[in-house]
């Protein structure tokens, strides 16, 4: 697939995050690679987001402004509108790392079904670069995932494997990567470039989210990947339980 034939669908999900949305939109529209369509799905915001999006006019290829049933329902709506061969999700508040980010990852389209790069993480005003492994396996996905703001996905995979599960609030993108890369053995490629900037203010970064993540992962693995689930529980026990015991008896601080 040559870059002249390539169209990437960039999808942004927003709900009452006008300031973050503006930052995201500016980073998308300033990309040097221009062979993309821009789709925004707003969950019926009441903070001025819809007026702002409407003012963008033809800069948006598709604008959906209506109530949804959560993040993944909104992402699925964006997928349904996508006309590009590849999809990249850059949700409200997240940004491309620089003006060349989309170009840096677009050049690998056609070489793999899933292409992912590094992500800059902003926390308490400090930025760090999160790098990801070149080789992915089941063990890796039992404890981590790859970053959807720095990942382009072949659009046809959503027809082949289905869209995101809407029963989960946080882990459906992880489940999709597990189903495609591990279960489906689709091709993937890592690039050692920083593609996006992720602000640790999203739902998966909120207090208490780790408990929700583990619960949702438990549910998905126990229903879809029984052997992986047993392995995951054993590894989790070996990794965390000894520390908890030592905390209880006062050998280490909580």
Protein backbone atom coordinates (compact mmCIF):
# COMPACT_ATOMS: atom_id res chain seq x y z
CA UNK A 1 0.00 0.00 0.00
CA UNK A 2 1.58 3.26 -1.10
CA UNK A 3 1.16 6.46 0.88
CA UNK A 4 -0.56 8.01 -2.15
CA UNK A 5 -3.35 5.43 -1.80
CA UNK A 6 -3.55 5.59 1.98
CA UNK A 7 -6.31 7.18 4.04
CA UNK A 8 -6.10 7.10 7.83
CA UNK A 9 -9.20 7.68 9.97
CA UNK A 10 -8.29 9.66 13.10
CA UNK A 11 -11.07 9.35 15.69
CA UNK A 12 -11.53 11.52 18.78
CA UNK A 13 -14.01 10.79 21.58
CA UNK A 14 -15.12 13.67 23.79
CA UNK A 15 -17.46 14.38 26.68
CA UNK A 16 -17.39 17.75 28.46
CA UNK A 17 -13.67 18.31 28.02
CA UNK A 18 -13.58 21.45 25.90
CA UNK A 19 -10.04 22.55 26.82
CA UNK A 20 -8.60 19.09 26.24
CA UNK A 21 -10.59 18.76 23.02
CA UNK A 22 -9.15 21.98 21.64
CA UNK A 23 -5.61 20.76 22.31
CA UNK A 24 -6.37 17.47 20.56
CA UNK A 25 -7.97 19.11 17.52
CA UNK A 26 -5.08 21.55 17.05
CA UNK A 27 -2.56 18.69 17.17
CA UNK A 28 -4.53 16.70 14.59
CA UNK A 29 -5.12 19.53 12.14
CA UNK A 30 -1.45 20.60 12.30
CA UNK A 31 -0.11 17.25 11.02
CA UNK A 32 2.21 17.37 8.03
CA UNK A 33 0.67 14.12 6.77
CA UNK A 34 -2.67 15.22 5.39
CA UNK A 35 -4.13 12.03 3.92
CA UNK A 36 -6.51 11.49 6.80
CA UNK A 37 -10.12 12.01 7.69
CA UNK A 38 -11.03 13.39 11.09
CA UNK A 39 -13.99 11.92 12.96
CA UNK A 40 -15.17 13.28 16.30
CA UNK A 41 -17.78 11.59 18.48
CA UNK A 42 -19.17 13.77 21.25
CA UNK A 43 -21.41 12.29 23.93
CA UNK A 44 -23.78 15.29 23.98
CA UNK A 45 -21.52 17.66 25.92
CA UNK A 46 -22.96 20.75 27.57
CA UNK A 47 -19.70 22.68 28.06
CA UNK A 48 -19.47 24.31 24.64
CA UNK A 49 -17.70 21.40 22.98
CA UNK A 50 -20.40 20.87 20.35
CA UNK A 51 -20.44 24.56 19.38
CA UNK A 52 -16.65 24.45 19.03
CA UNK A 53 -16.77 21.31 16.90
CA UNK A 54 -19.51 22.74 14.70
CA UNK A 55 -17.38 25.85 14.12
CA UNK A 56 -14.64 23.67 12.60
CA UNK A 57 -16.82 23.06 9.54
CA UNK A 58 -15.17 21.00 6.79
CA UNK A 59 -12.08 20.33 8.94
CA UNK A 60 -14.14 17.47 10.37
CA UNK A 61 -15.05 14.64 8.03
CA UNK A 62 -17.72 13.38 10.41
CA UNK A 63 -19.21 14.79 13.61
CA UNK A 64 -21.51 12.71 15.81
CA UNK A 65 -23.03 14.55 18.76
CA UNK A 66 -25.40 12.38 20.74
CA UNK A 67 -25.61 10.46 23.99
CA UNK A 68 -23.79 7.14 24.08
CA UNK A 69 -23.39 4.19 26.39
CA UNK A 70 -19.80 4.84 27.38
CA UNK A 71 -16.37 5.28 25.86
CA UNK A 72 -16.34 2.10 23.82
CA UNK A 73 -19.82 2.66 22.44
CA UNK A 74 -18.60 6.08 21.26
CA UNK A 75 -15.45 4.55 19.77
CA UNK A 76 -17.57 2.00 17.93
CA UNK A 77 -19.65 4.81 16.45
CA UNK A 78 -16.45 6.34 15.14
CA UNK A 79 -15.41 3.02 13.61
CA UNK A 80 -18.76 2.79 11.82
CA UNK A 81 -18.07 6.15 10.15
CA UNK A 82 -14.48 5.39 9.19
CA UNK A 83 -13.61 5.25 5.50
CA UNK A 84 -9.85 4.88 5.92
CA UNK A 85 -7.81 1.70 5.59
CA UNK A 86 -6.37 2.30 9.06
CA UNK A 87 -7.77 3.83 12.25
CA UNK A 88 -6.03 5.74 15.03
CA UNK A 89 -7.84 6.80 18.21
CA UNK A 90 -6.69 10.08 19.74
CA UNK A 91 -9.22 10.86 22.42
CA UNK A 92 -10.01 14.22 23.94
CA UNK A 93 -7.08 15.57 25.94
CA UNK A 94 -4.51 13.43 24.15
CA UNK A 95 -2.32 14.93 21.43
CA UNK A 96 0.10 13.93 18.74
CA UNK A 97 3.69 14.29 19.96
CA UNK A 98 4.60 16.67 17.14
CA UNK A 99 3.48 17.75 13.69
CA UNK A 100 5.23 14.78 12.06
CA UNK A 101 3.71 12.08 14.30
CA UNK A 102 1.10 10.80 11.88
CA UNK A 103 3.62 10.73 9.06
CA UNK A 104 6.07 8.76 11.20
CA UNK A 105 3.60 5.94 11.70
CA UNK A 106 1.78 6.17 8.35
CA UNK A 107 4.88 5.07 6.43
CA UNK A 108 4.51 1.61 8.02
CA UNK A 109 0.90 1.12 6.93
CA UNK A 110 0.64 -1.90 4.69
CA UNK A 111 3.55 -3.62 6.42
CA UNK A 112 1.46 -4.87 9.36
CA UNK A 113 -2.14 -4.93 10.54
CA UNK A 114 -1.25 -3.17 13.79
CA UNK A 115 1.57 -0.65 14.08
CA UNK A 116 2.42 0.91 17.45
CA UNK A 117 4.99 3.34 18.78
CA UNK A 118 5.99 5.01 22.01
CA UNK A 119 3.88 7.39 24.07
CA UNK A 120 4.79 10.45 26.10
CA UNK A 121 3.01 10.38 29.46
CA UNK A 122 2.29 13.61 31.34
CA UNK A 123 1.80 13.35 35.09
CA UNK A 124 1.90 16.24 37.58
CA UNK A 125 3.41 18.50 34.95
CA UNK A 126 6.26 16.09 34.18
CA UNK A 127 6.67 14.20 30.92
CA UNK A 128 8.26 10.80 30.47
CA UNK A 129 8.55 8.62 27.36
CA UNK A 130 6.93 5.21 27.72
CA UNK A 131 8.52 2.68 25.40
CA UNK A 132 7.01 -0.63 24.41
CA UNK A 133 8.45 -4.03 23.52
CA UNK A 134 9.23 -5.03 19.97
CA UNK A 135 7.91 -8.55 20.53
CA UNK A 136 4.51 -9.21 22.11
CA UNK A 137 3.27 -12.40 23.74
CA UNK A 138 0.46 -13.61 25.99
CA UNK A 139 2.47 -13.04 29.17
CA UNK A 140 2.94 -9.38 28.25
CA UNK A 141 -0.77 -8.82 27.69
CA UNK A 142 -1.66 -10.39 31.02
CA UNK A 143 -0.04 -7.42 32.76
CA UNK A 144 0.14 -4.63 30.20
CA UNK A 145 -1.07 -3.46 26.80
CA UNK A 146 0.01 -1.27 23.91
CA UNK A 147 -1.10 2.38 23.75
CA UNK A 148 -4.09 3.03 21.52
CA UNK A 149 -3.17 6.74 21.03
CA UNK A 150 0.11 5.56 19.47
CA UNK A 151 -1.34 2.66 17.49
CA UNK A 152 -2.85 2.43 14.02
CA UNK A 153 -5.18 -0.48 13.39
CA UNK A 154 -6.20 -1.99 10.08
CA UNK A 155 -9.88 -1.10 9.78
CA UNK A 156 -10.80 -4.54 8.43
CA UNK A 157 -9.82 -6.07 11.79
CA UNK A 158 -12.98 -4.63 13.32
CA UNK A 159 -15.03 -6.56 10.76
CA UNK A 160 -13.01 -9.71 11.31
CA UNK A 161 -12.84 -9.67 15.12
CA UNK A 162 -15.70 -7.35 16.04
CA UNK A 163 -15.72 -3.88 17.53
CA UNK A 164 -14.99 -3.00 21.15
CA UNK A 165 -16.94 -4.76 23.91
CA UNK A 166 -19.27 -2.21 25.47
CA UNK A 167 -19.81 -4.18 28.69
CA UNK A 168 -16.43 -3.02 29.96
CA UNK A 169 -15.54 0.52 30.99
CA UNK A 170 -11.74 0.42 30.73
CA UNK A 171 -10.19 -2.74 29.24
CA UNK A 172 -11.91 -3.26 25.87
CA UNK A 173 -8.98 -1.91 23.86
CA UNK A 174 -6.70 -4.33 25.75
CA UNK A 175 -9.16 -7.16 24.98
CA UNK A 176 -9.14 -6.22 21.29
CA UNK A 177 -5.35 -6.35 21.13
CA UNK A 178 -5.36 -9.67 22.98
CA UNK A 179 -7.92 -11.11 20.54
CA UNK A 180 -6.12 -9.88 17.43
CA UNK A 181 -2.42 -10.20 18.24
CA UNK A 182 -2.50 -13.25 20.50
CA UNK A 183 -5.74 -15.02 19.59
CA UNK A 184 -5.76 -14.08 15.91
CA UNK A 185 -1.99 -13.89 15.37
CA UNK A 186 -2.36 -10.83 13.14
CA UNK A 187 0.80 -9.09 12.00
CA UNK A 188 2.14 -6.24 14.10
CA UNK A 189 5.12 -3.90 14.04
CA UNK A 190 6.76 -1.69 16.65
CA UNK A 191 8.38 1.60 15.69
CA UNK A 192 10.76 3.34 18.07
CA UNK A 193 9.14 6.75 17.59
CA UNK A 194 7.06 8.73 20.05
CA UNK A 195 3.66 9.17 18.43
CA UNK A 196 1.34 10.68 21.04
CA UNK A 197 1.10 12.48 24.37
CA UNK A 198 -1.19 10.94 26.98
CA UNK A 199 -2.36 13.00 29.95
CA UNK A 200 -2.94 10.92 33.07
CA UNK A 201 -6.43 12.28 33.63
CA UNK A 202 -8.48 9.66 31.77
CA UNK A 203 -10.79 7.10 33.33
CA UNK A 204 -8.10 4.40 33.38
CA UNK A 205 -5.86 6.72 35.42
CA UNK A 206 -8.36 7.68 38.11
CA UNK A 207 -8.15 6.48 41.75
CA UNK A 208 -9.74 3.06 42.09
CA UNK A 209 -9.38 2.30 38.40
CA UNK A 210 -6.78 -0.41 38.99
CA UNK A 211 -9.33 -2.46 40.90
CA UNK A 212 -11.83 -2.04 38.05
CA UNK A 213 -9.18 -2.96 35.48
CA UNK A 214 -8.29 -6.15 37.33
CA UNK A 215 -11.95 -7.09 37.75
CA UNK A 216 -12.70 -6.55 34.06
CA UNK A 217 -9.56 -8.42 33.00
CA UNK A 218 -10.52 -11.32 35.30
CA UNK A 219 -13.96 -11.46 33.74
CA UNK A 220 -12.70 -11.39 30.16
CA UNK A 221 -9.89 -13.88 30.65
CA UNK A 222 -12.02 -16.34 32.63
CA UNK A 223 -14.65 -16.36 29.87
CA UNK A 224 -12.46 -16.21 26.78
CA UNK A 225 -9.00 -17.52 27.69
CA UNK A 226 -9.31 -20.03 30.53
CA UNK A 227 -5.72 -21.27 30.46
CA UNK A 228 -4.34 -17.74 30.29
CA UNK A 229 -6.63 -16.82 33.18
CA UNK A 230 -5.24 -19.61 35.40
CA UNK A 231 -1.69 -18.60 34.49
CA UNK A 232 -2.51 -14.94 35.15
CA UNK A 233 -3.91 -15.66 38.62
CA UNK A 234 -0.87 -17.76 39.55
CA UNK A 235 1.54 -15.07 38.33
CA UNK A 236 -0.44 -12.31 40.05
CA UNK A 237 -0.39 -14.28 43.32
CA UNK A 238 3.35 -14.86 43.10
CA UNK A 239 4.03 -11.22 42.25
CA UNK A 240 1.85 -9.46 44.83
CA UNK A 241 0.88 -11.80 47.66
CA UNK A 242 4.33 -12.11 49.35
CA UNK A 243 4.55 -8.31 49.54
CA UNK A 244 1.10 -8.10 51.14
CA UNK A 245 2.08 -10.67 53.74
CA UNK A 246 5.24 -8.72 54.59
CA UNK A 247 3.16 -5.55 54.86
CA UNK A 248 0.78 -7.23 57.27
CA UNK A 249 3.59 -8.40 59.57
CA UNK A 250 5.38 -5.06 59.37
CA UNK A 251 8.47 -6.07 57.41
CA UNK A 252 7.74 -3.50 54.68
CA UNK A 253 5.74 -0.32 54.69
CA UNK A 254 2.43 -0.15 52.87
